């Protein structure tokens, strides 16, 4: 478990362009292997005095807020890119009163009977009786008997 947490905290994140460890402590993590086989980074640190080390650590901590701000800006840019990419594929849909629609079968039935491989996953047609601004619709079946309130995500246009 500890190894998994170490890996999670030290892996480079694309949205923030940093590791979680670096965002918390302000420095890159020293790998356990670097402790056993000293690297150039540790060799340089061993050659400095305690006073110099304290000054370097203080400078790193002062720069930490700036690193976190850069990570936040990078994250916001990343989220904007993802949002633009997603919004390119989304097509807005809406139905008017009187439109015929099909409904996902599981969303209108109360029993959760398994839908067979070759059976239709859509039920209908239904007629839109009322359209609400929140994306909800009130549907009536072809006989005008059964009224079903349902969300837009469970509907698709019916073409007779």
C-alpha atoms as a PDB file:
ATOM      1  CA  UNK A   1       0.000   0.000   0.000  1.00  0.00           C
ATOM      2  CA  UNK A   2       2.800   2.408   0.860  1.00  0.00           C
ATOM      3  CA  UNK A   3       4.453   1.819  -2.515  1.00  0.00           C
ATOM      4  CA  UNK A   4       1.204   2.624  -4.294  1.00  0.00           C
ATOM      5  CA  UNK A   5       0.830   5.869  -2.351  1.00  0.00           C
ATOM      6  CA  UNK A   6       4.452   6.786  -3.062  1.00  0.00           C
ATOM      7  CA  UNK A   7       3.904   6.189  -6.790  1.00  0.00           C
ATOM      8  CA  UNK A   8       0.679   8.207  -6.745  1.00  0.00           C
ATOM      9  CA  UNK A   9       2.331  11.166  -5.007  1.00  0.00           C
ATOM     10  CA  UNK A  10       5.480  11.223  -7.128  1.00  0.00           C
ATOM     11  CA  UNK A  11       4.051  10.728 -10.621  1.00  0.00           C
ATOM     12  CA  UNK A  12       4.003  13.770 -12.915  1.00  0.00           C
ATOM     13  CA  UNK A  13       0.443  15.077 -13.490  1.00  0.00           C
ATOM     14  CA  UNK A  14      -0.467  16.489 -16.891  1.00  0.00           C
ATOM     15  CA  UNK A  15      -3.086  18.988 -15.608  1.00  0.00           C
ATOM     16  CA  UNK A  16      -0.778  20.610 -13.051  1.00  0.00           C
ATOM     17  CA  UNK A  17       2.549  19.847 -14.751  1.00  0.00           C
ATOM     18  CA  UNK A  18       3.927  18.848 -11.336  1.00  0.00           C
ATOM     19  CA  UNK A  19       3.866  16.028  -8.816  1.00  0.00           C
ATOM     20  CA  UNK A  20       1.657  16.093  -5.741  1.00  0.00           C
ATOM     21  CA  UNK A  21       4.776  15.739  -3.596  1.00  0.00           C
ATOM     22  CA  UNK A  22       6.343  18.829  -5.174  1.00  0.00           C
ATOM     23  CA  UNK A  23       3.162  20.850  -4.656  1.00  0.00           C
ATOM     24  CA  UNK A  24       3.053  19.934  -0.966  1.00  0.00           C
ATOM     25  CA  UNK A  25       6.736  20.121  -0.021  1.00  0.00           C
ATOM     26  CA  UNK A  26       8.137  22.423  -2.701  1.00  0.00           C
ATOM     27  CA  UNK A  27      10.923  20.044  -3.835  1.00  0.00           C
ATOM     28  CA  UNK A  28      11.245  16.954  -5.977  1.00  0.00           C
ATOM     29  CA  UNK A  29      10.996  13.701  -4.059  1.00  0.00           C
ATOM     30  CA  UNK A  30      14.169  11.779  -3.300  1.00  0.00           C
ATOM     31  CA  UNK A  31      13.641   8.238  -4.482  1.00  0.00           C
ATOM     32  CA  UNK A  32      14.581   5.421  -2.109  1.00  0.00           C
ATOM     33  CA  UNK A  33      17.025   4.139  -4.727  1.00  0.00           C
ATOM     34  CA  UNK A  34      18.836   7.493  -4.659  1.00  0.00           C
ATOM     35  CA  UNK A  35      19.401   6.970  -0.928  1.00  0.00           C
ATOM     36  CA  UNK A  36      21.118   3.633  -1.544  1.00  0.00           C
ATOM     37  CA  UNK A  37      23.054   4.725  -4.635  1.00  0.00           C
ATOM     38  CA  UNK A  38      23.801   8.437  -4.184  1.00  0.00           C
ATOM     39  CA  UNK A  39      22.969  10.525  -7.242  1.00  0.00           C
ATOM     40  CA  UNK A  40      24.563  13.779  -8.337  1.00  0.00           C
ATOM     41  CA  UNK A  41      21.683  15.720  -6.774  1.00  0.00           C
ATOM     42  CA  UNK A  42      22.323  14.209  -3.323  1.00  0.00           C
ATOM     43  CA  UNK A  43      26.107  14.544  -3.665  1.00  0.00           C
ATOM     44  CA  UNK A  44      25.749  18.289  -4.248  1.00  0.00           C
ATOM     45  CA  UNK A  45      23.472  18.629  -1.214  1.00  0.00           C
ATOM     46  CA  UNK A  46      25.888  16.727   1.026  1.00  0.00           C
ATOM     47  CA  UNK A  47      28.686  19.209   0.306  1.00  0.00           C
ATOM     48  CA  UNK A  48      26.889  22.234   1.787  1.00  0.00           C
ATOM     49  CA  UNK A  49      26.737  23.445   5.353  1.00  0.00           C
ATOM     50  CA  UNK A  50      23.646  23.383   7.546  1.00  0.00           C
ATOM     51  CA  UNK A  51      23.265  27.153   7.269  1.00  0.00           C
ATOM     52  CA  UNK A  52      23.398  27.046   3.453  1.00  0.00           C
ATOM     53  CA  UNK A  53      20.942  24.153   3.486  1.00  0.00           C
ATOM     54  CA  UNK A  54      18.525  26.147   5.679  1.00  0.00           C
ATOM     55  CA  UNK A  55      18.770  29.145   3.325  1.00  0.00           C
ATOM     56  CA  UNK A  56      18.115  26.934   0.275  1.00  0.00           C
ATOM     57  CA  UNK A  57      15.134  25.319   1.980  1.00  0.00           C
ATOM     58  CA  UNK A  58      13.724  28.727   2.946  1.00  0.00           C
ATOM     59  CA  UNK A  59      14.047  29.891  -0.677  1.00  0.00           C
ATOM     60  CA  UNK A  60      12.262  26.737  -1.862  1.00  0.00           C
ATOM     61  CA  UNK A  61       9.430  27.304   0.598  1.00  0.00           C
ATOM     62  CA  UNK A  62       9.074  30.932  -0.491  1.00  0.00           C
ATOM     63  CA  UNK A  63       8.827  29.794  -4.115  1.00  0.00           C
ATOM     64  CA  UNK A  64       6.221  27.173  -3.191  1.00  0.00           C
ATOM     65  CA  UNK A  65       3.268  29.581  -3.404  1.00  0.00           C
ATOM     66  CA  UNK A  66       4.353  30.591  -6.900  1.00  0.00           C
ATOM     67  CA  UNK A  67       4.643  26.922  -7.938  1.00  0.00           C
ATOM     68  CA  UNK A  68       1.158  26.256  -6.623  1.00  0.00           C
ATOM     69  CA  UNK A  69      -0.226  29.263  -8.472  1.00  0.00           C
ATOM     70  CA  UNK A  70       1.407  28.066 -11.710  1.00  0.00           C
ATOM     71  CA  UNK A  71      -0.070  24.605 -11.128  1.00  0.00           C
ATOM     72  CA  UNK A  72      -3.526  26.144 -10.596  1.00  0.00           C
ATOM     73  CA  UNK A  73      -3.240  28.159 -13.823  1.00  0.00           C
ATOM     74  CA  UNK A  74      -2.054  25.088 -15.698  1.00  0.00           C
ATOM     75  CA  UNK A  75      -4.977  23.088 -14.314  1.00  0.00           C
ATOM     76  CA  UNK A  76      -7.465  25.760 -15.424  1.00  0.00           C
ATOM     77  CA  UNK A  77      -5.981  25.777 -18.944  1.00  0.00           C
ATOM     78  CA  UNK A  78      -6.152  21.979 -19.047  1.00  0.00           C
ATOM     79  CA  UNK A  79      -9.805  21.982 -17.956  1.00  0.00           C
ATOM     80  CA  UNK A  80     -10.647  24.617 -20.583  1.00  0.00           C
ATOM     81  CA  UNK A  81      -8.993  22.466 -23.293  1.00  0.00           C
ATOM     82  CA  UNK A  82     -10.960  19.411 -22.169  1.00  0.00           C
ATOM     83  CA  UNK A  83     -14.174  21.413 -22.092  1.00  0.00           C
ATOM     84  CA  UNK A  84     -13.623  22.734 -25.632  1.00  0.00           C
ATOM     85  CA  UNK A  85     -12.858  19.232 -26.917  1.00  0.00           C
ATOM     86  CA  UNK A  86     -15.980  17.818 -25.265  1.00  0.00           C
ATOM     87  CA  UNK A  87     -18.233  20.657 -26.434  1.00  0.00           C
ATOM     88  CA  UNK A  88     -17.193  20.081 -30.055  1.00  0.00           C
ATOM     89  CA  UNK A  89     -18.879  16.672 -29.990  1.00  0.00           C
ATOM     90  CA  UNK A  90     -22.034  17.671 -28.093  1.00  0.00           C
ATOM     91  CA  UNK A  91     -25.041  18.490 -30.200  1.00  0.00           C
ATOM     92  CA  UNK A  92     -27.818  20.377 -28.444  1.00  0.00           C
ATOM     93  CA  UNK A  93     -31.173  18.628 -28.616  1.00  0.00           C
ATOM     94  CA  UNK A  94     -34.648  19.811 -27.797  1.00  0.00           C
ATOM     95  CA  UNK A  95     -38.134  18.677 -28.619  1.00  0.00           C
ATOM     96  CA  UNK A  96     -41.282  20.686 -29.224  1.00  0.00           C
ATOM     97  CA  UNK A  97     -44.816  19.904 -28.083  1.00  0.00           C
ATOM     98  CA  UNK A  98     -46.272  17.389 -30.526  1.00  0.00           C
ATOM     99  CA  UNK A  99     -42.926  15.792 -31.529  1.00  0.00           C
ATOM    100  CA  UNK A 100     -42.752  12.028 -31.551  1.00  0.00           C
ATOM    101  CA  UNK A 101     -39.904  10.526 -29.520  1.00  0.00           C
ATOM    102  CA  UNK A 102     -38.543   7.167 -28.436  1.00  0.00           C
ATOM    103  CA  UNK A 103     -37.599   6.442 -24.828  1.00  0.00           C
ATOM    104  CA  UNK A 104     -34.864   4.189 -23.479  1.00  0.00           C
ATOM    105  CA  UNK A 105     -36.704   1.072 -22.363  1.00  0.00           C
ATOM    106  CA  UNK A 106     -35.167   0.762 -18.873  1.00  0.00           C
ATOM    107  CA  UNK A 107     -35.960   4.389 -17.986  1.00  0.00           C
ATOM    108  CA  UNK A 108     -39.740   3.935 -18.245  1.00  0.00           C
ATOM    109  CA  UNK A 109     -40.218   0.452 -16.855  1.00  0.00           C
ATOM    110  CA  UNK A 110     -40.297  -0.136 -13.150  1.00  0.00           C
ATOM    111  CA  UNK A 111     -39.208  -3.760 -13.401  1.00  0.00           C
ATOM    112  CA  UNK A 112     -35.596  -4.278 -14.365  1.00  0.00           C
ATOM    113  CA  UNK A 113     -36.116  -7.148 -16.765  1.00  0.00           C
ATOM    114  CA  UNK A 114     -32.992  -7.884 -18.752  1.00  0.00           C
ATOM    115  CA  UNK A 115     -33.163  -6.555 -22.273  1.00  0.00           C
ATOM    116  CA  UNK A 116     -32.284  -9.300 -24.727  1.00  0.00           C
ATOM    117  CA  UNK A 117     -29.508  -9.004 -27.236  1.00  0.00           C
ATOM    118  CA  UNK A 118     -31.849  -8.726 -30.196  1.00  0.00           C
ATOM    119  CA  UNK A 119     -34.699  -6.774 -28.621  1.00  0.00           C
ATOM    120  CA  UNK A 120     -35.083  -3.057 -29.104  1.00  0.00           C
ATOM    121  CA  UNK A 121     -33.610  -0.840 -26.436  1.00  0.00           C
ATOM    122  CA  UNK A 122     -36.131   1.890 -27.270  1.00  0.00           C
ATOM    123  CA  UNK A 123     -39.810   2.053 -26.500  1.00  0.00           C
ATOM    124  CA  UNK A 124     -42.411   4.204 -28.175  1.00  0.00           C
ATOM    125  CA  UNK A 125     -43.287   6.290 -30.008  1.00  0.00           C
ATOM    126  CA  UNK A 126     -44.470   8.790 -27.439  1.00  0.00           C
ATOM    127  CA  UNK A 127     -45.767  12.284 -28.086  1.00  0.00           C
ATOM    128  CA  UNK A 128     -44.362  15.290 -26.202  1.00  0.00           C
ATOM    129  CA  UNK A 129     -47.240  16.834 -24.253  1.00  0.00           C
ATOM    130  CA  UNK A 130     -45.264  19.441 -22.284  1.00  0.00           C
ATOM    131  CA  UNK A 131     -41.694  20.722 -22.481  1.00  0.00           C
ATOM    132  CA  UNK A 132     -40.025  22.238 -19.431  1.00  0.00           C
ATOM    133  CA  UNK A 133     -37.037  24.568 -19.491  1.00  0.00           C
ATOM    134  CA  UNK A 134     -34.939  22.225 -17.321  1.00  0.00           C
ATOM    135  CA  UNK A 135     -34.743  19.546 -20.042  1.00  0.00           C
ATOM    136  CA  UNK A 136     -37.646  17.507 -18.694  1.00  0.00           C
ATOM    137  CA  UNK A 137     -40.579  16.447 -20.843  1.00  0.00           C
ATOM    138  CA  UNK A 138     -44.024  15.067 -20.163  1.00  0.00           C
ATOM    139  CA  UNK A 139     -44.837  12.324 -22.665  1.00  0.00           C
ATOM    140  CA  UNK A 140     -48.087  10.628 -23.642  1.00  0.00           C
ATOM    141  CA  UNK A 141     -48.239   7.275 -25.411  1.00  0.00           C
ATOM    142  CA  UNK A 142     -50.004   6.874 -28.759  1.00  0.00           C
ATOM    143  CA  UNK A 143     -53.347   6.069 -27.080  1.00  0.00           C
ATOM    144  CA  UNK A 144     -53.157   9.210 -24.941  1.00  0.00           C
ATOM    145  CA  UNK A 145     -53.470   7.110 -21.812  1.00  0.00           C
ATOM    146  CA  UNK A 146     -50.078   6.817 -20.152  1.00  0.00           C
ATOM    147  CA  UNK A 147     -48.301   9.995 -19.050  1.00  0.00           C
ATOM    148  CA  UNK A 148     -44.556   9.661 -18.454  1.00  0.00           C
ATOM    149  CA  UNK A 149     -42.349  12.500 -17.130  1.00  0.00           C
ATOM    150  CA  UNK A 150     -38.773  11.974 -18.298  1.00  0.00           C
ATOM    151  CA  UNK A 151     -35.408  13.669 -18.780  1.00  0.00           C
ATOM    152  CA  UNK A 152     -33.995  14.660 -22.176  1.00  0.00           C
ATOM    153  CA  UNK A 153     -31.038  12.265 -21.931  1.00  0.00           C
ATOM    154  CA  UNK A 154     -33.375   9.276 -22.229  1.00  0.00           C
ATOM    155  CA  UNK A 155     -35.059  10.498 -25.429  1.00  0.00           C
ATOM    156  CA  UNK A 156     -34.354  10.447 -29.139  1.00  0.00           C
ATOM    157  CA  UNK A 157     -36.320  11.701 -32.136  1.00  0.00           C
ATOM    158  CA  UNK A 158     -38.701   9.228 -33.753  1.00  0.00           C
ATOM    159  CA  UNK A 159     -38.800   9.217 -37.549  1.00  0.00           C
ATOM    160  CA  UNK A 160     -41.918   7.316 -38.791  1.00  0.00           C
END
